[in-house]
Amino acid sequence: MTLVGDKESRERQRTDSRSRRELESQLRRNERIWAGFREIEIQMIGAQSLGEVVEVLVTRIPALFPAVDCVSLVCVDPDFELARLMSTHPQSGVSRLFIPADRAWLEEVIPTRAKPWLGPCDNHIQTRLFPACAARLGSCVIAPLVLQGELIGSFNQGSRDAGHFSADAATDLLEHLAAVTAMCVDSAANRERLKRDGLTDALTGVANRRLFERRLREELSLRERRKNSLSLLLVDLDHFKELNDRHGHQAGDRALQQVALTLTQGLRVSDVLARYGGEEFALLLPDTKPGKALEIAERLRAHVAELIIDDPAGSALKVSVSIGVACLEQSPGVESRGGDPGFWLMRQADVALYRAKSSGRNRVMTADRS
């Protein structure tokens, strides 16, 4: 005959054993989560650019945590400075998961700045925070990014499982990861600003002469091995001194900025646009034959001619450019004669630009023919 006390004892043992197994299972899950978060933190800290930070978040989190279907990063970016940094990232899918926002928009979307918010992901949230996610999300977490007491963005995860991100879940690890993310975003952006400021023109945002000359040497070295074509456009604003004298330097600066923006349209990643000096720009076109270079030059000239520059005084100003085109052909050419191909290319483009200027401006020419 079994005693009641024995039954109760065995039941307690089974309960205790089940509790220990559940606790051990929970500890193992926590260890996996912590190890995953730690891996992500280390990779973010080692990232050399904003794009790399975003790439770590949006690729490693779904890889380490299969229940997470989509990740996005929102950053306060009223001037789209960070968006421009992201645009250089080679993977467009990563760039689409970075969302620039102004502060008012962000504060409207984020329910609280104090802690991550977890709960259902409705259409409004998904449209705003996960616009690149095709799957219908059931739940999400919105973790505010706060740096030195200031809201700078949010780090967001979405899951198709409506119960995955529940309001009663602990958020300690999420808060820690959000704090690290905020520091890494700020650090990567500052690192890229320093790099950009040393190699870009402060007024127009395009490459400066130093970067252009470095890239020219690199492209000449590549061409020496590949024997492909390398074209150069020298672009000069027409009557720029007169524009400055009549309308002031603010109008001149605005004209330079708008022309630079126009010249960047349609460029490939390998192309290099630089402010070469004053009102002159240089555009290097690797693997581009003379006919194609002339076509590009004419398209850019026409687009600039359509610009209307807003004068700070209220006038609408028109500008034009003259463009000189030169090309190193696929054959060895100048190198076989012992000349400096870079000097020759610059010289030919300069002669072509002089021809365009002396022939009436607002036109495209080469050194030896129109």
Protein backbone atom coordinates (compact mmCIF):
# COMPACT_ATOMS: atom_id res chain seq x y z
CA MET A 1 0.00 0.00 0.00
CA THR A 2 1.34 3.40 -1.05
CA LEU A 3 1.38 6.07 1.59
CA VAL A 4 -0.02 9.51 0.81
CA GLY A 5 3.23 11.11 1.98
CA ASP A 6 5.21 9.06 -0.53
CA LYS A 7 2.97 10.21 -3.38
CA GLU A 8 3.35 13.83 -2.38
CA SER A 9 7.10 13.42 -2.13
CA ARG A 10 7.37 11.88 -5.60
CA GLU A 11 5.11 14.60 -7.02
CA ARG A 12 7.30 17.27 -5.48
CA GLN A 13 10.38 15.60 -6.95
CA ARG A 14 8.81 15.50 -10.41
CA THR A 15 7.78 19.14 -10.08
CA ASP A 16 11.24 20.12 -8.90
CA SER A 17 12.86 18.17 -11.73
CA ARG A 18 10.57 19.80 -14.31
CA SER A 19 11.30 23.22 -12.85
CA ARG A 20 15.05 22.57 -13.01
CA ARG A 21 14.78 21.48 -16.64
CA GLU A 22 12.73 24.55 -17.51
CA LEU A 23 15.21 26.78 -15.69
CA GLU A 24 18.17 25.14 -17.41
CA SER A 25 16.44 25.47 -20.78
CA GLN A 26 15.74 29.16 -20.09
CA LEU A 27 19.36 29.71 -19.04
CA ARG A 28 20.60 28.09 -22.26
CA ARG A 29 18.23 30.31 -24.30
CA ASN A 30 19.48 33.37 -22.43
CA GLU A 31 23.07 32.33 -23.04
CA ARG A 32 22.38 31.96 -26.79
CA ILE A 33 20.68 35.35 -26.87
CA TRP A 34 23.51 36.99 -24.96
CA ALA A 35 26.13 35.32 -27.17
CA GLY A 36 24.27 36.50 -30.28
CA PHE A 37 23.99 40.06 -29.00
CA ARG A 38 27.65 40.01 -28.02
CA GLU A 39 28.66 38.89 -31.53
CA ILE A 40 26.58 41.70 -33.06
CA GLU A 41 28.12 44.28 -30.72
CA ILE A 42 31.68 43.20 -31.55
CA GLN A 43 30.97 43.39 -35.28
CA MET A 44 29.35 46.82 -34.98
CA ILE A 45 32.24 48.18 -32.91
CA GLY A 46 34.64 47.00 -35.62
CA ALA A 47 32.59 48.51 -38.47
CA GLN A 48 34.41 51.18 -40.49
CA SER A 49 31.36 52.91 -41.95
CA LEU A 50 27.71 53.63 -41.23
CA GLY A 51 26.76 51.19 -43.96
CA GLU A 52 28.71 48.42 -42.24
CA VAL A 53 26.97 49.14 -38.91
CA VAL A 54 23.56 48.91 -40.59
CA GLU A 55 24.60 45.79 -42.48
CA VAL A 56 25.56 44.03 -39.24
CA LEU A 57 22.18 44.82 -37.68
CA VAL A 58 19.94 43.95 -40.62
CA THR A 59 21.75 40.74 -41.62
CA ARG A 60 23.14 39.22 -38.41
CA ILE A 61 20.04 39.59 -36.22
CA PRO A 62 17.73 37.58 -38.55
CA ALA A 63 20.56 35.06 -39.07
CA LEU A 64 21.08 34.55 -35.32
CA PHE A 65 17.41 34.82 -34.32
CA PRO A 66 15.21 33.11 -36.95
CA ALA A 67 11.95 34.42 -35.48
CA VAL A 68 13.04 37.96 -36.48
CA ASP A 69 11.96 38.57 -40.07
CA CYS A 70 12.93 42.19 -40.59
CA VAL A 71 15.23 44.78 -39.03
CA SER A 72 15.45 48.51 -39.72
CA LEU A 73 17.36 51.48 -38.40
CA VAL A 74 15.81 54.95 -38.21
CA CYS A 75 18.10 57.96 -37.67
CA VAL A 76 17.42 61.66 -37.22
CA ASP A 77 18.79 63.01 -40.49
CA PRO A 78 17.06 66.26 -41.53
CA ASP A 79 19.75 67.20 -44.07
CA PHE A 80 20.02 63.62 -45.46
CA GLU A 81 23.73 63.59 -44.62
CA LEU A 82 23.55 60.04 -43.25
CA ALA A 83 21.41 58.95 -46.19
CA ARG A 84 24.15 60.15 -48.56
CA LEU A 85 26.70 58.12 -46.60
CA MET A 86 24.41 55.08 -46.85
CA SER A 87 23.96 55.58 -50.61
CA THR A 88 27.59 54.55 -51.14
CA HIS A 89 27.00 51.13 -49.57
CA PRO A 90 27.38 48.43 -52.25
CA GLN A 91 24.28 46.49 -51.20
CA SER A 92 21.08 48.36 -52.03
CA GLY A 93 19.05 45.95 -49.89
CA VAL A 94 20.94 47.15 -46.82
CA SER A 95 20.51 50.81 -47.76
CA ARG A 96 16.72 50.38 -48.03
CA LEU A 97 16.60 49.29 -44.38
CA PHE A 98 18.06 52.62 -43.26
CA ILE A 99 15.33 55.24 -42.80
CA PRO A 100 16.24 58.95 -42.48
CA ALA A 101 13.78 61.00 -40.44
CA ASP A 102 13.32 64.36 -38.82
CA ARG A 103 12.96 64.55 -35.05
CA ALA A 104 9.24 65.36 -35.01
CA TRP A 105 8.47 62.32 -37.18
CA LEU A 106 10.59 60.08 -34.97
CA GLU A 107 9.05 61.30 -31.72
CA GLU A 108 5.61 60.68 -33.18
CA VAL A 109 6.48 57.09 -34.10
CA ILE A 110 8.35 56.09 -30.93
CA PRO A 111 5.91 55.38 -28.08
CA THR A 112 8.50 55.98 -25.35
CA ARG A 113 12.10 57.11 -25.08
CA ALA A 114 12.67 55.40 -21.76
CA LYS A 115 12.60 51.74 -22.77
CA PRO A 116 12.04 49.56 -25.84
CA TRP A 117 8.40 49.16 -26.81
CA LEU A 118 7.14 45.66 -27.67
CA GLY A 119 3.75 44.79 -29.09
CA PRO A 120 1.60 44.23 -32.17
CA CYS A 121 2.83 45.60 -35.50
CA ASP A 122 -0.10 47.24 -37.25
CA ASN A 123 -0.14 48.60 -40.81
CA HIS A 124 0.81 52.09 -39.65
CA ILE A 125 3.94 50.89 -37.85
CA GLN A 126 4.97 48.50 -40.62
CA THR A 127 4.60 51.18 -43.32
CA ARG A 128 6.73 53.62 -41.36
CA LEU A 129 9.37 51.41 -39.79
CA PHE A 130 9.54 48.40 -42.12
CA PRO A 131 8.72 49.75 -45.60
CA ALA A 132 11.09 47.27 -47.29
CA CYS A 133 9.53 44.21 -45.63
CA ALA A 134 7.15 42.34 -47.94
CA ALA A 135 5.91 39.90 -45.29
CA ARG A 136 3.00 40.87 -43.04
CA LEU A 137 4.47 41.42 -39.57
CA GLY A 138 2.57 40.42 -36.45
CA SER A 139 4.72 41.93 -33.67
CA CYS A 140 7.69 44.22 -33.32
CA VAL A 141 10.06 45.93 -30.94
CA ILE A 142 11.01 49.61 -31.23
CA ALA A 143 14.18 50.40 -29.28
CA PRO A 144 14.99 54.13 -29.01
CA LEU A 145 18.58 55.18 -29.68
CA VAL A 146 19.60 57.80 -27.15
CA LEU A 147 23.02 59.44 -27.09
CA GLN A 148 23.99 61.88 -24.33
CA GLY A 149 20.31 62.28 -23.45
CA GLU A 150 19.28 63.08 -27.02
CA LEU A 151 17.02 60.89 -29.15
CA ILE A 152 18.94 60.12 -32.37
CA GLY A 153 16.92 57.24 -33.82
CA SER A 154 15.39 53.85 -33.26
CA PHE A 155 16.47 50.27 -33.83
CA ASN A 156 13.51 48.10 -34.88
CA GLN A 157 12.82 44.38 -35.25
CA GLY A 158 9.72 42.79 -36.72
CA SER A 159 8.37 39.23 -36.62
CA ARG A 160 5.55 37.50 -38.46
CA ASP A 161 4.76 35.77 -35.17
CA ALA A 162 2.22 37.95 -33.39
CA GLY A 163 3.39 36.66 -29.99
CA HIS A 164 7.14 36.87 -30.47
CA PHE A 165 7.55 40.42 -29.18
CA SER A 166 5.20 40.66 -26.21
CA ALA A 167 4.82 43.57 -23.82
CA ASP A 168 5.76 41.49 -20.76
CA ALA A 169 9.18 40.44 -22.13
CA ALA A 170 12.38 41.57 -20.41
CA THR A 171 14.20 44.34 -22.28
CA ASP A 172 17.58 44.54 -20.52
CA LEU A 173 19.57 43.07 -23.42
CA LEU A 174 17.65 45.13 -25.97
CA GLU A 175 18.40 48.32 -24.04
CA HIS A 176 22.08 47.40 -23.91
CA LEU A 177 22.21 46.64 -27.65
CA ALA A 178 20.37 49.89 -28.43
CA ALA A 179 22.92 51.88 -26.39
CA VAL A 180 25.81 50.21 -28.21
CA THR A 181 24.08 50.80 -31.56
CA ALA A 182 23.67 54.52 -30.82
CA MET A 183 27.38 54.86 -30.02
CA CYS A 184 28.42 52.86 -33.10
CA VAL A 185 26.18 54.90 -35.44
CA ASP A 186 27.60 58.14 -34.08
CA SER A 187 31.19 56.88 -34.20
CA ALA A 188 30.90 55.55 -37.77
CA ALA A 189 29.25 58.76 -39.01
CA ASN A 190 31.97 60.90 -37.39
CA ARG A 191 34.68 58.68 -38.89
CA GLU A 192 33.17 59.09 -42.35
CA ARG A 193 32.82 62.85 -41.86
CA LEU A 194 36.52 63.12 -41.09
CA LYS A 195 37.36 61.05 -44.14
CA ARG A 196 34.96 63.06 -46.30
CA ASP A 197 36.18 66.44 -45.06
CA GLY A 198 39.75 65.53 -45.97
CA LEU A 199 38.87 64.38 -49.48
CA THR A 200 35.79 66.35 -50.46
CA ASP A 201 35.02 69.95 -51.30
CA ALA A 202 33.23 71.60 -48.37
CA LEU A 203 30.95 73.73 -50.54
CA THR A 204 29.72 71.24 -53.13
CA GLY A 205 30.19 67.90 -51.37
CA VAL A 206 31.96 66.32 -54.37
CA ALA A 207 35.57 65.09 -54.36
CA ASN A 208 38.34 67.65 -54.02
CA ARG A 209 41.42 67.96 -56.22
CA ARG A 210 43.50 65.79 -53.89
CA LEU A 211 41.09 62.86 -54.17
CA PHE A 212 40.72 63.36 -57.92
CA GLU A 213 44.49 63.21 -58.51
CA ARG A 214 44.74 60.08 -56.37
CA ARG A 215 41.93 58.39 -58.29
CA LEU A 216 43.45 59.48 -61.61
CA ARG A 217 46.69 57.70 -60.69
CA GLU A 218 44.74 54.59 -59.67
CA GLU A 219 42.75 54.53 -62.92
CA LEU A 220 45.88 55.06 -65.01
CA SER A 221 47.49 52.11 -63.24
CA LEU A 222 44.43 49.95 -63.94
CA ARG A 223 44.38 51.07 -67.58
CA GLU A 224 48.02 50.13 -67.99
CA ARG A 225 47.09 46.53 -67.19
CA ARG A 226 43.70 46.38 -68.90
CA LYS A 227 44.39 48.66 -71.92
CA ASN A 228 40.86 50.07 -71.72
CA SER A 229 39.68 53.61 -72.51
CA LEU A 230 39.80 56.41 -69.94
CA SER A 231 37.96 59.66 -70.57
CA LEU A 232 38.12 63.02 -68.83
CA LEU A 233 35.71 65.96 -68.87
CA LEU A 234 36.79 69.42 -67.71
CA VAL A 235 33.71 71.48 -66.94
CA ASP A 236 33.84 75.25 -66.41
CA LEU A 237 30.98 77.58 -65.43
CA ASP A 238 30.58 80.30 -68.01
CA HIS A 239 30.86 83.96 -66.93
CA PHE A 240 31.23 82.93 -63.28
CA LYS A 241 33.12 86.07 -62.25
CA GLU A 242 30.37 88.22 -63.73
CA LEU A 243 27.74 86.21 -61.82
CA ASN A 244 29.64 86.80 -58.55
CA ASP A 245 30.15 90.50 -59.28
CA ARG A 246 26.53 91.17 -60.20
CA HIS A 247 24.67 88.91 -57.77
CA GLY A 248 27.12 88.29 -54.94
CA HIS A 249 29.10 85.33 -53.70
CA GLN A 250 26.06 83.65 -52.15
CA ALA A 251 24.51 83.35 -55.60
CA GLY A 252 27.83 82.08 -56.94
CA ASP A 253 28.05 79.46 -54.19
CA ARG A 254 24.51 78.32 -54.89
CA ALA A 255 25.28 78.03 -58.59
CA LEU A 256 28.33 75.87 -57.86
CA GLN A 257 26.29 73.63 -55.57
CA GLN A 258 23.47 73.18 -58.09
CA VAL A 259 25.84 72.53 -60.97
CA ALA A 260 27.78 69.97 -58.91
CA LEU A 261 24.51 68.20 -58.03
CA THR A 262 23.49 68.16 -61.70
CA LEU A 263 26.85 66.75 -62.79
CA THR A 264 26.49 63.82 -60.38
CA GLN A 265 23.23 62.63 -61.97
CA GLY A 266 23.54 59.29 -63.68
CA LEU A 267 27.16 58.68 -62.69
CA ARG A 268 28.46 55.17 -62.01
CA VAL A 269 30.19 54.18 -58.79
CA SER A 270 33.52 54.11 -60.63
CA ASP A 271 33.16 57.66 -62.02
CA VAL A 272 34.85 60.50 -60.13
CA LEU A 273 33.49 64.05 -60.05
CA ALA A 274 35.71 66.64 -58.36
CA ARG A 275 35.81 70.36 -57.89
CA TYR A 276 39.18 70.94 -59.50
CA GLY A 277 39.47 74.61 -58.63
CA GLY A 278 37.32 77.73 -58.50
CA GLU A 279 34.45 77.23 -60.93
CA GLU A 280 36.03 74.23 -62.68
CA PHE A 281 35.02 70.59 -62.23
CA ALA A 282 36.77 67.46 -63.49
CA LEU A 283 34.86 64.28 -64.27
CA LEU A 284 36.85 61.06 -64.74
CA LEU A 285 35.09 58.30 -66.68
CA PRO A 286 36.88 54.92 -66.52
CA ASP A 287 36.32 52.41 -69.33
CA THR A 288 34.56 55.06 -71.45
CA LYS A 289 35.25 55.50 -75.14
CA PRO A 290 35.39 58.95 -76.84
CA GLY A 291 31.92 58.71 -78.41
CA LYS A 292 30.27 57.82 -75.10
CA ALA A 293 32.23 60.54 -73.27
CA LEU A 294 30.97 63.15 -75.76
CA GLU A 295 27.42 61.87 -75.31
CA ILE A 296 27.70 62.17 -71.51
CA ALA A 297 29.25 65.65 -71.79
CA GLU A 298 26.46 66.88 -74.03
CA ARG A 299 23.78 65.48 -71.74
CA LEU A 300 25.33 67.19 -68.71
CA ARG A 301 25.75 70.48 -70.59
CA ALA A 302 22.06 70.43 -71.56
CA HIS A 303 20.93 69.61 -68.01
CA VAL A 304 22.95 72.50 -66.57
CA ALA A 305 21.48 74.85 -69.18
CA GLU A 306 18.00 73.96 -67.88
CA LEU A 307 18.86 74.92 -64.30
CA ILE A 308 17.27 77.91 -62.62
CA ILE A 309 19.37 79.14 -59.69
CA ASP A 310 17.50 80.91 -56.91
CA ASP A 311 19.30 84.17 -56.19
CA PRO A 312 19.16 85.13 -52.46
CA ALA A 313 17.96 88.56 -53.66
CA GLY A 314 14.93 86.96 -55.31
CA SER A 315 16.05 86.70 -58.93
CA ALA A 316 16.04 83.49 -60.98
CA LEU A 317 19.45 83.00 -62.59
CA LYS A 318 20.45 80.88 -65.55
CA VAL A 319 23.89 79.34 -65.89
CA SER A 320 25.76 77.34 -68.51
CA VAL A 321 28.96 75.34 -68.74
CA SER A 322 31.64 74.73 -71.32
CA ILE A 323 33.11 71.23 -71.43
CA GLY A 324 36.39 69.92 -72.80
CA VAL A 325 36.63 66.19 -73.50
CA ALA A 326 39.75 64.05 -73.79
CA CYS A 327 40.28 60.30 -73.94
CA LEU A 328 43.07 57.78 -73.63
CA GLU A 329 42.13 55.10 -76.15
CA GLN A 330 42.34 51.34 -75.74
CA SER A 331 45.62 51.22 -77.67
CA PRO A 332 48.86 51.98 -75.76
CA GLY A 333 48.97 55.45 -77.35
CA VAL A 334 50.89 58.09 -75.43
CA GLU A 335 52.53 55.57 -73.09
CA SER A 336 54.36 53.92 -76.01
CA ARG A 337 55.94 57.28 -76.82
CA GLY A 338 57.32 57.67 -73.30
CA GLY A 339 54.92 60.43 -72.26
CA ASP A 340 53.02 60.89 -69.00
CA PRO A 341 49.46 59.75 -69.82
CA GLY A 342 47.93 61.67 -66.91
CA PHE A 343 49.58 64.93 -67.96
CA TRP A 344 48.59 64.30 -71.58
CA LEU A 345 44.96 63.60 -70.65
CA MET A 346 44.68 66.76 -68.52
CA ARG A 347 46.41 68.83 -71.19
CA GLN A 348 44.13 67.59 -73.98
CA ALA A 349 41.00 68.25 -71.89
CA ASP A 350 42.28 71.73 -71.03
CA VAL A 351 42.91 72.54 -74.71
CA ALA A 352 39.42 71.27 -75.54
CA LEU A 353 37.91 73.42 -72.79
CA TYR A 354 39.73 76.48 -74.15
CA ARG A 355 38.26 75.73 -77.59
CA ALA A 356 34.76 75.50 -76.12
CA LYS A 357 35.21 78.81 -74.30
CA SER A 358 36.67 80.66 -77.26
CA SER A 359 33.99 79.29 -79.59
CA GLY A 360 31.15 80.94 -77.69
CA ARG A 361 30.73 78.90 -74.47
CA ASN A 362 27.86 76.60 -73.49
CA ARG A 363 29.23 73.84 -75.70
CA VAL A 364 31.23 70.61 -75.73
CA MET A 365 34.51 70.20 -77.62
CA THR A 366 37.57 67.98 -77.93
CA ALA A 367 41.12 69.18 -78.51
CA ASP A 368 41.10 68.27 -82.20
CA ARG A 369 37.45 68.37 -83.26
CA SER A 370 34.01 69.63 -82.18
